[in-house]
Amino acid sequence: MSATTTEAYHALVDVVLDAELVRAEGRPVNKTAMLQALEARRELVERLARWRWIAIEDARAVGASWSEIDQAIGVAPGMSRAEYERALAIQQKLGLSPPSRRDPGLSLG
């Protein structure tokens, strides 16, 4: 991950933490800041979801079973494989290539 990408992640986390501190310290809540924090949370969740797929592929590549993956990510038996296969089927139907191994924080465009 490049320094620029790392800085982008840190900036997103900073926005979220600043909003949490405002509330925790009882300071007046600013609508714009809270909306920015909400947007930052959304972006972080999307990036983490993309990393999850890469982590699943990495675990499978080193011999982890689907049961082990289910347990590691806290889902019911069979859910990780079913969701993974569903996502791949959608990609194939849309004519998209498999997920890239590049930094999931970068846009796909």
Foldseek 3Di string as FASTA:
>chain_A
DDPVLVVVLVVLVVLLVVQVVCVVVVHDHDPVSVVSNVVSVVLVVQQVVLVLLVVVVVCVVVPDDQQNSCVVVVHPPPVVVVVNVVVVVVCVVVVHDPDDPPRSSDDPD
